PDB file of N, CA and C in Angstrom:
ATOM      1  N   MET A   1       0.843  -1.181   0.000  1.00  0.00           N
ATOM      2  CA  MET A   1       0.000   0.000   0.000  1.00  0.00           C
ATOM      3  C   MET A   1       0.885   1.239   0.000  1.00  0.00           C
ATOM      4  N   THR A   2       0.537   2.216  -0.807  1.00  0.00           N
ATOM      5  CA  THR A   2       1.341   3.435  -0.883  1.00  0.00           C
ATOM      6  C   THR A   2       0.890   4.434   0.176  1.00  0.00           C
ATOM      7  N   GLU A   3       1.786   5.293   0.555  1.00  0.00           N
ATOM      8  CA  GLU A   3       1.477   6.364   1.496  1.00  0.00           C
ATOM      9  C   GLU A   3       0.857   7.529   0.736  1.00  0.00           C
ATOM     10  N   PRO A   4      -0.098   8.251   1.347  1.00  0.00           N
ATOM     11  CA  PRO A   4      -0.636   9.436   0.675  1.00  0.00           C
ATOM     12  C   PRO A   4       0.477  10.451   0.444  1.00  0.00           C
ATOM     13  N   THR A   5       0.585  10.944  -0.780  1.00  0.00           N
ATOM     14  CA  THR A   5       1.677  11.862  -1.073  1.00  0.00           C
ATOM     15  C   THR A   5       1.199  13.218  -1.564  1.00  0.00           C
ATOM     16  N   GLU A   6      -0.070  13.359  -1.884  1.00  0.00           N
ATOM     17  CA  GLU A   6      -0.585  14.630  -2.389  1.00  0.00           C
ATOM     18  C   GLU A   6      -1.824  15.003  -1.580  1.00  0.00           C
ATOM     19  N   HIS A   7      -2.012  16.272  -1.355  1.00  0.00           N
ATOM     20  CA  HIS A   7      -3.187  16.747  -0.632  1.00  0.00           C
ATOM     21  C   HIS A   7      -3.912  17.753  -1.512  1.00  0.00           C
ATOM     22  N   TYR A   8      -5.154  17.439  -1.873  1.00  0.00           N
ATOM     23  CA  TYR A   8      -5.974  18.332  -2.698  1.00  0.00           C
ATOM     24  C   TYR A   8      -7.152  18.799  -1.849  1.00  0.00           C
ATOM     25  N   GLY A   9      -7.114  20.031  -1.413  1.00  0.00           N
ATOM     26  CA  GLY A   9      -8.182  20.549  -0.566  1.00  0.00           C
ATOM     27  C   GLY A   9      -8.245  19.756   0.732  1.00  0.00           C
ATOM     28  N   ASP A  10      -9.423  19.187   1.020  1.00  0.00           N
ATOM     29  CA  ASP A  10      -9.594  18.393   2.233  1.00  0.00           C
ATOM     30  C   ASP A  10      -9.441  16.904   1.969  1.00  0.00           C
ATOM     31  N   LYS A  11      -9.095  16.532   0.762  1.00  0.00           N
ATOM     32  CA  LYS A  11      -9.067  15.120   0.390  1.00  0.00           C
ATOM     33  C   LYS A  11      -7.639  14.646   0.124  1.00  0.00           C
ATOM     34  N   LEU A  12      -7.213  13.593   0.824  1.00  0.00           N
ATOM     35  CA  LEU A  12      -5.911  12.978   0.555  1.00  0.00           C
ATOM     36  C   LEU A  12      -6.086  11.952  -0.550  1.00  0.00           C
ATOM     37  N   GLU A  13      -5.180  11.965  -1.513  1.00  0.00           N
ATOM     38  CA  GLU A  13      -5.234  10.984  -2.590  1.00  0.00           C
ATOM     39  C   GLU A  13      -3.968  10.155  -2.577  1.00  0.00           C
ATOM     40  N   ASP A  14      -4.124   8.858  -2.804  1.00  0.00           N
ATOM     41  CA  ASP A  14      -2.968   7.970  -2.865  1.00  0.00           C
ATOM     42  C   ASP A  14      -2.333   8.065  -4.242  1.00  0.00           C
ATOM     43  N   LYS A  15      -1.049   8.241  -4.239  1.00  0.00           N
ATOM     44  CA  LYS A  15      -0.258   8.268  -5.465  1.00  0.00           C
ATOM     45  C   LYS A  15       0.936   7.355  -5.245  1.00  0.00           C
ATOM     46  N   VAL A  16       1.487   6.860  -6.311  1.00  0.00           N
ATOM     47  CA  VAL A  16       2.719   6.078  -6.227  1.00  0.00           C
ATOM     48  C   VAL A  16       3.863   7.064  -6.031  1.00  0.00           C
ATOM     49  N   ASP A  17       4.611   6.900  -4.948  1.00  0.00           N
ATOM     50  CA  ASP A  17       5.742   7.802  -4.712  1.00  0.00           C
ATOM     51  C   ASP A  17       7.011   7.230  -5.346  1.00  0.00           C
ATOM     52  N   SER A  18       8.086   7.970  -5.240  1.00  0.00           N
ATOM     53  CA  SER A  18       9.347   7.598  -5.870  1.00  0.00           C
ATOM     54  C   SER A  18       9.847   6.229  -5.413  1.00  0.00           C
ATOM     55  N   SER A  19       9.827   5.978  -4.118  1.00  0.00           N
ATOM     56  CA  SER A  19      10.349   4.698  -3.619  1.00  0.00           C
ATOM     57  C   SER A  19       9.483   3.527  -4.060  1.00  0.00           C
ATOM     58  N   LYS A  20       8.156   3.716  -4.107  1.00  0.00           N
ATOM     59  CA  LYS A  20       7.263   2.649  -4.578  1.00  0.00           C
ATOM     60  C   LYS A  20       7.481   2.392  -6.070  1.00  0.00           C
ATOM     61  N   ALA A  21       7.657   3.451  -6.855  1.00  0.00           N
ATOM     62  CA  ALA A  21       7.922   3.292  -8.288  1.00  0.00           C
ATOM     63  C   ALA A  21       9.224   2.522  -8.508  1.00  0.00           C
ATOM     64  N   GLN A  22      10.241   2.836  -7.726  1.00  0.00           N
ATOM     65  CA  GLN A  22      11.518   2.130  -7.852  1.00  0.00           C
ATOM     66  C   GLN A  22      11.381   0.667  -7.450  1.00  0.00           C
ATOM     67  N   GLU A  23      10.591   0.403  -6.420  1.00  0.00           N
ATOM     68  CA  GLU A  23      10.345  -0.978  -5.982  1.00  0.00           C
ATOM     69  C   GLU A  23       9.623  -1.775  -7.073  1.00  0.00           C
ATOM     70  N   LEU A  24       8.603  -1.164  -7.692  1.00  0.00           N
ATOM     71  CA  LEU A  24       7.861  -1.829  -8.769  1.00  0.00           C
ATOM     72  C   LEU A  24       8.775  -2.134  -9.956  1.00  0.00           C
ATOM     73  N   ALA A  25       9.587  -1.170 -10.339  1.00  0.00           N
ATOM     74  CA  ALA A  25      10.520  -1.369 -11.457  1.00  0.00           C
ATOM     75  C   ALA A  25      11.539  -2.453 -11.125  1.00  0.00           C
ATOM     76  N   ARG A  26      12.033  -2.429  -9.908  1.00  0.00           N
ATOM     77  CA  ARG A  26      13.024  -3.420  -9.472  1.00  0.00           C
ATOM     78  C   ARG A  26      12.439  -4.837  -9.543  1.00  0.00           C
ATOM     79  N   ARG A  27      11.209  -4.999  -9.040  1.00  0.00           N
ATOM     80  CA  ARG A  27      10.552  -6.316  -9.081  1.00  0.00           C
ATOM     81  C   ARG A  27      10.317  -6.780 -10.515  1.00  0.00           C
ATOM     82  N   PHE A  28       9.872  -5.853 -11.349  1.00  0.00           N
ATOM     83  CA  PHE A  28       9.608  -6.168 -12.756  1.00  0.00           C
ATOM     84  C   PHE A  28      10.892  -6.617 -13.463  1.00  0.00           C
ATOM     85  N   LEU A  29      11.952  -5.840 -13.330  1.00  0.00           N
ATOM     86  CA  LEU A  29      13.197  -6.138 -14.037  1.00  0.00           C
ATOM     87  C   LEU A  29      13.952  -7.330 -13.447  1.00  0.00           C
ATOM     88  N   SER A  30      13.787  -7.581 -12.161  1.00  0.00           N
ATOM     89  CA  SER A  30      14.535  -8.667 -11.525  1.00  0.00           C
ATOM     90  C   SER A  30      14.080 -10.047 -11.990  1.00  0.00           C
ATOM     91  N   GLN A  31      13.001 -10.111 -12.748  1.00  0.00           N
ATOM     92  CA  GLN A  31      12.580 -11.390 -13.331  1.00  0.00           C
ATOM     93  C   GLN A  31      13.634 -11.900 -14.312  1.00  0.00           C
ATOM     94  N   TYR A  32      14.370 -10.981 -14.949  1.00  0.00           N
ATOM     95  CA  TYR A  32      15.323 -11.357 -15.992  1.00  0.00           C
ATOM     96  C   TYR A  32      16.721 -10.757 -15.815  1.00  0.00           C
ATOM     97  N   HIS A  33      16.869  -9.827 -14.872  1.00  0.00           N
ATOM     98  CA  HIS A  33      18.141  -9.117 -14.721  1.00  0.00           C
ATOM     99  C   HIS A  33      18.515  -8.986 -13.245  1.00  0.00           C
ATOM    100  N   SER A  34      19.790  -8.743 -12.993  1.00  0.00           N
ATOM    101  CA  SER A  34      20.253  -8.372 -11.656  1.00  0.00           C
ATOM    102  C   SER A  34      20.242  -6.850 -11.586  1.00  0.00           C
ATOM    103  N   VAL A  35      19.371  -6.305 -10.747  1.00  0.00           N
ATOM    104  CA  VAL A  35      19.239  -4.854 -10.629  1.00  0.00           C
ATOM    105  C   VAL A  35      20.212  -4.359  -9.564  1.00  0.00           C
ATOM    106  N   ILE A  36      21.087  -3.433  -9.961  1.00  0.00           N
ATOM    107  CA  ILE A  36      22.099  -2.899  -9.055  1.00  0.00           C
ATOM    108  C   ILE A  36      21.601  -1.648  -8.334  1.00  0.00           C
ATOM    109  N   ASP A  37      21.025  -0.722  -9.097  1.00  0.00           N
ATOM    110  CA  ASP A  37      20.614   0.563  -8.533  1.00  0.00           C
ATOM    111  C   ASP A  37      19.477   1.138  -9.371  1.00  0.00           C
ATOM    112  N   THR A  38      18.638   1.966  -8.749  1.00  0.00           N
ATOM    113  CA  THR A  38      17.552   2.635  -9.477  1.00  0.00           C
ATOM    114  C   THR A  38      17.462   4.095  -9.060  1.00  0.00           C
ATOM    115  N   GLU A  39      16.921   4.911  -9.960  1.00  0.00           N
ATOM    116  CA  GLU A  39      16.608   6.308  -9.642  1.00  0.00           C
ATOM    117  C   GLU A  39      15.344   6.667 -10.410  1.00  0.00           C
ATOM    118  N   ALA A  40      14.534   7.547  -9.847  1.00  0.00           N
ATOM    119  CA  ALA A  40      13.244   7.877 -10.449  1.00  0.00           C
ATOM    120  C   ALA A  40      13.072   9.376 -10.626  1.00  0.00           C
ATOM    121  N   VAL A  41      12.451   9.745 -11.757  1.00  0.00           N
ATOM    122  CA  VAL A  41      12.126  11.137 -12.071  1.00  0.00           C
ATOM    123  C   VAL A  41      10.666  11.163 -12.521  1.00  0.00           C
ATOM    124  N   LEU A  42       9.906  12.136 -12.020  1.00  0.00           N
ATOM    125  CA  LEU A  42       8.497  12.266 -12.377  1.00  0.00           C
ATOM    126  C   LEU A  42       8.341  13.250 -13.532  1.00  0.00           C
ATOM    127  N   GLU A  43       7.668  12.796 -14.614  1.00  0.00           N
ATOM    128  CA  GLU A  43       7.400  13.651 -15.768  1.00  0.00           C
ATOM    129  C   GLU A  43       5.962  13.450 -16.220  1.00  0.00           C
ATOM    130  N   ASP A  44       5.156  14.481 -16.126  1.00  0.00           N
ATOM    131  CA  ASP A  44       3.765  14.457 -16.610  1.00  0.00           C
ATOM    132  C   ASP A  44       2.959  13.276 -16.093  1.00  0.00           C
ATOM    133  N   GLY A  45       3.039  13.004 -14.798  1.00  0.00           N
ATOM    134  CA  GLY A  45       2.249  11.938 -14.193  1.00  0.00           C
ATOM    135  C   GLY A  45       2.784  10.538 -14.433  1.00  0.00           C
ATOM    136  N   VAL A  46       4.008  10.439 -14.930  1.00  0.00           N
ATOM    137  CA  VAL A  46       4.627   9.132 -15.183  1.00  0.00           C
ATOM    138  C   VAL A  46       6.007   9.116 -14.526  1.00  0.00           C
ATOM    139  N   TRP A  47       6.247   8.090 -13.700  1.00  0.00           N
ATOM    140  CA  TRP A  47       7.575   7.905 -13.137  1.00  0.00           C
ATOM    141  C   TRP A  47       8.459   7.268 -14.193  1.00  0.00           C
ATOM    142  N   LEU A  48       9.611   7.861 -14.452  1.00  0.00           N
ATOM    143  CA  LEU A  48      10.623   7.282 -15.323  1.00  0.00           C
ATOM    144  C   LEU A  48      11.711   6.748 -14.401  1.00  0.00           C
ATOM    145  N   VAL A  49      11.733   5.434 -14.257  1.00  0.00           N
ATOM    146  CA  VAL A  49      12.687   4.802 -13.356  1.00  0.00           C
ATOM    147  C   VAL A  49      13.836   4.251 -14.193  1.00  0.00           C
ATOM    148  N   THR A  50      15.025   4.744 -13.933  1.00  0.00           N
ATOM    149  CA  THR A  50      16.227   4.261 -14.609  1.00  0.00           C
ATOM    150  C   THR A  50      16.880   3.228 -13.707  1.00  0.00           C
ATOM    151  N   ALA A  51      17.141   2.046 -14.273  1.00  0.00           N
ATOM    152  CA  ALA A  51      17.745   0.958 -13.511  1.00  0.00           C
ATOM    153  C   ALA A  51      19.077   0.573 -14.132  1.00  0.00           C
ATOM    154  N   HIS A  52      20.053   0.397 -13.278  1.00  0.00           N
ATOM    155  CA  HIS A  52      21.377  -0.064 -13.698  1.00  0.00           C
ATOM    156  C   HIS A  52      21.432  -1.561 -13.396  1.00  0.00           C
ATOM    157  N   LEU A  53      21.741  -2.353 -14.430  1.00  0.00           N
ATOM    158  CA  LEU A  53      21.660  -3.811 -14.338  1.00  0.00           C
ATOM    159  C   LEU A  53      23.023  -4.456 -14.497  1.00  0.00           C
ATOM    160  N   GLY A  54      23.159  -5.637 -13.907  1.00  0.00           N
ATOM    161  CA  GLY A  54      24.342  -6.463 -14.106  1.00  0.00           C
ATOM    162  C   GLY A  54      25.537  -6.021 -13.300  1.00  0.00           C
ATOM    163  N   PHE A  55      26.386  -6.990 -12.979  1.00  0.00           N
ATOM    164  CA  PHE A  55      27.576  -6.702 -12.189  1.00  0.00           C
ATOM    165  C   PHE A  55      28.785  -6.449 -13.078  1.00  0.00           C
ATOM    166  N   SER A  56      28.981  -7.294 -14.081  1.00  0.00           N
ATOM    167  CA  SER A  56      30.162  -7.122 -14.926  1.00  0.00           C
ATOM    168  C   SER A  56      29.834  -6.462 -16.256  1.00  0.00           C
ATOM    169  N   ASN A  57      28.729  -6.850 -16.865  1.00  0.00           N
ATOM    170  CA  ASN A  57      28.308  -6.273 -18.144  1.00  0.00           C
ATOM    171  C   ASN A  57      27.131  -5.339 -17.867  1.00  0.00           C
ATOM    172  N   THR A  58      27.412  -4.127 -17.405  1.00  0.00           N
ATOM    173  CA  THR A  58      26.342  -3.231 -16.965  1.00  0.00           C
ATOM    174  C   THR A  58      25.510  -2.711 -18.132  1.00  0.00           C
ATOM    175  N   GLN A  59      24.211  -2.660 -17.897  1.00  0.00           N
ATOM    176  CA  GLN A  59      23.239  -2.127 -18.847  1.00  0.00           C
ATOM    177  C   GLN A  59      22.341  -1.151 -18.103  1.00  0.00           C
ATOM    178  N   THR A  60      21.620  -0.335 -18.858  1.00  0.00           N
ATOM    179  CA  THR A  60      20.640   0.578 -18.274  1.00  0.00           C
ATOM    180  C   THR A  60      19.299   0.341 -18.949  1.00  0.00           C
ATOM    181  N   LYS A  61      18.252   0.231 -18.143  1.00  0.00           N
ATOM    182  CA  LYS A  61      16.886   0.101 -18.658  1.00  0.00           C
ATOM    183  C   LYS A  61      16.056   1.203 -18.015  1.00  0.00           C
ATOM    184  N   GLN A  62      15.019   1.637 -18.733  1.00  0.00           N
ATOM    185  CA  GLN A  62      14.113   2.643 -18.187  1.00  0.00           C
ATOM    186  C   GLN A  62      12.701   2.070 -18.191  1.00  0.00           C
ATOM    187  N   VAL A  63      12.032   2.171 -17.036  1.00  0.00           N
ATOM    188  CA  VAL A  63      10.678   1.668 -16.865  1.00  0.00           C
ATOM    189  C   VAL A  63       9.760   2.857 -16.622  1.00  0.00           C
ATOM    190  N   LYS A  64       8.625   2.901 -17.359  1.00  0.00           N
ATOM    191  CA  LYS A  64       7.633   3.964 -17.183  1.00  0.00           C
ATOM    192  C   LYS A  64       6.484   3.422 -16.337  1.00  0.00           C
ATOM    193  N   ILE A  65       6.160   4.148 -15.254  1.00  0.00           N
ATOM    194  CA  ILE A  65       5.139   3.711 -14.310  1.00  0.00           C
ATOM    195  C   ILE A  65       4.146   4.837 -14.064  1.00  0.00           C
ATOM    196  N   ASP A  66       2.863   4.530 -14.198  1.00  0.00           N
ATOM    197  CA  ASP A  66       1.794   5.501 -13.972  1.00  0.00           C
ATOM    198  C   ASP A  66       1.739   5.888 -12.494  1.00  0.00           C
ATOM    199  N   ILE A  67       1.702   7.182 -12.208  1.00  0.00           N
ATOM    200  CA  ILE A  67       1.704   7.666 -10.821  1.00  0.00           C
ATOM    201  C   ILE A  67       0.410   7.311 -10.081  1.00  0.00           C
ATOM    202  N   ASP A  68      -0.706   7.213 -10.798  1.00  0.00           N
ATOM    203  CA  ASP A  68      -1.990   6.934 -10.154  1.00  0.00           C
ATOM    204  C   ASP A  68      -2.208   5.456  -9.863  1.00  0.00           C
ATOM    205  N   SER A  69      -1.930   4.596 -10.843  1.00  0.00           N
ATOM    206  CA  SER A  69      -2.258   3.180 -10.711  1.00  0.00           C
ATOM    207  C   SER A  69      -1.062   2.311 -10.345  1.00  0.00           C
ATOM    208  N   GLY A  70       0.160   2.783 -10.622  1.00  0.00           N
ATOM    209  CA  GLY A  70       1.329   1.954 -10.409  1.00  0.00           C
ATOM    210  C   GLY A  70       1.540   0.961 -11.547  1.00  0.00           C
ATOM    211  N   ARG A  71       0.750   1.093 -12.591  1.00  0.00           N
ATOM    212  CA  ARG A  71       0.852   0.189 -13.749  1.00  0.00           C
ATOM    213  C   ARG A  71       2.098   0.505 -14.569  1.00  0.00           C
ATOM    214  N   ILE A  72       2.784  -0.538 -15.013  1.00  0.00           N
ATOM    215  CA  ILE A  72       3.945  -0.363 -15.868  1.00  0.00           C
ATOM    216  C   ILE A  72       3.439  -0.073 -17.269  1.00  0.00           C
ATOM    217  N   LEU A  73       3.836   1.087 -17.796  1.00  0.00           N
ATOM    218  CA  LEU A  73       3.375   1.531 -19.103  1.00  0.00           C
ATOM    219  C   LEU A  73       4.304   1.079 -20.221  1.00  0.00           C
ATOM    220  N   GLY A  74       5.538   0.737 -19.878  1.00  0.00           N
ATOM    221  CA  GLY A  74       6.491   0.285 -20.873  1.00  0.00           C
ATOM    222  C   GLY A  74       7.903   0.340 -20.327  1.00  0.00           C
ATOM    223  N   TYR A  75       8.827  -0.231 -21.104  1.00  0.00           N
ATOM    224  CA  TYR A  75      10.229  -0.139 -20.722  1.00  0.00           C
ATOM    225  C   TYR A  75      11.114  -0.244 -21.955  1.00  0.00           C
ATOM    226  N   THR A  76      12.300   0.313 -21.838  1.00  0.00           N
ATOM    227  CA  THR A  76      13.274   0.271 -22.937  1.00  0.00           C
ATOM    228  C   THR A  76      14.634  -0.059 -22.378  1.00  0.00           C
TER     229      THR A  76
END
């Protein structure tokens, strides 16, 4: 469960925060890769999580995650 991160008037709304987005990306990518480190940037309601993979042959993947639903929108 995510922590409320935004307050609109008198109503708290649940949003996926940076650490939750990184956790989701890490779980998704760890099915096929060794994830070393992640960092997240929010752009237009989508978390762009950059993950550094592998110990010897390092690669970088980017996972797009919707801030409202936590759904993975894609990765490259």
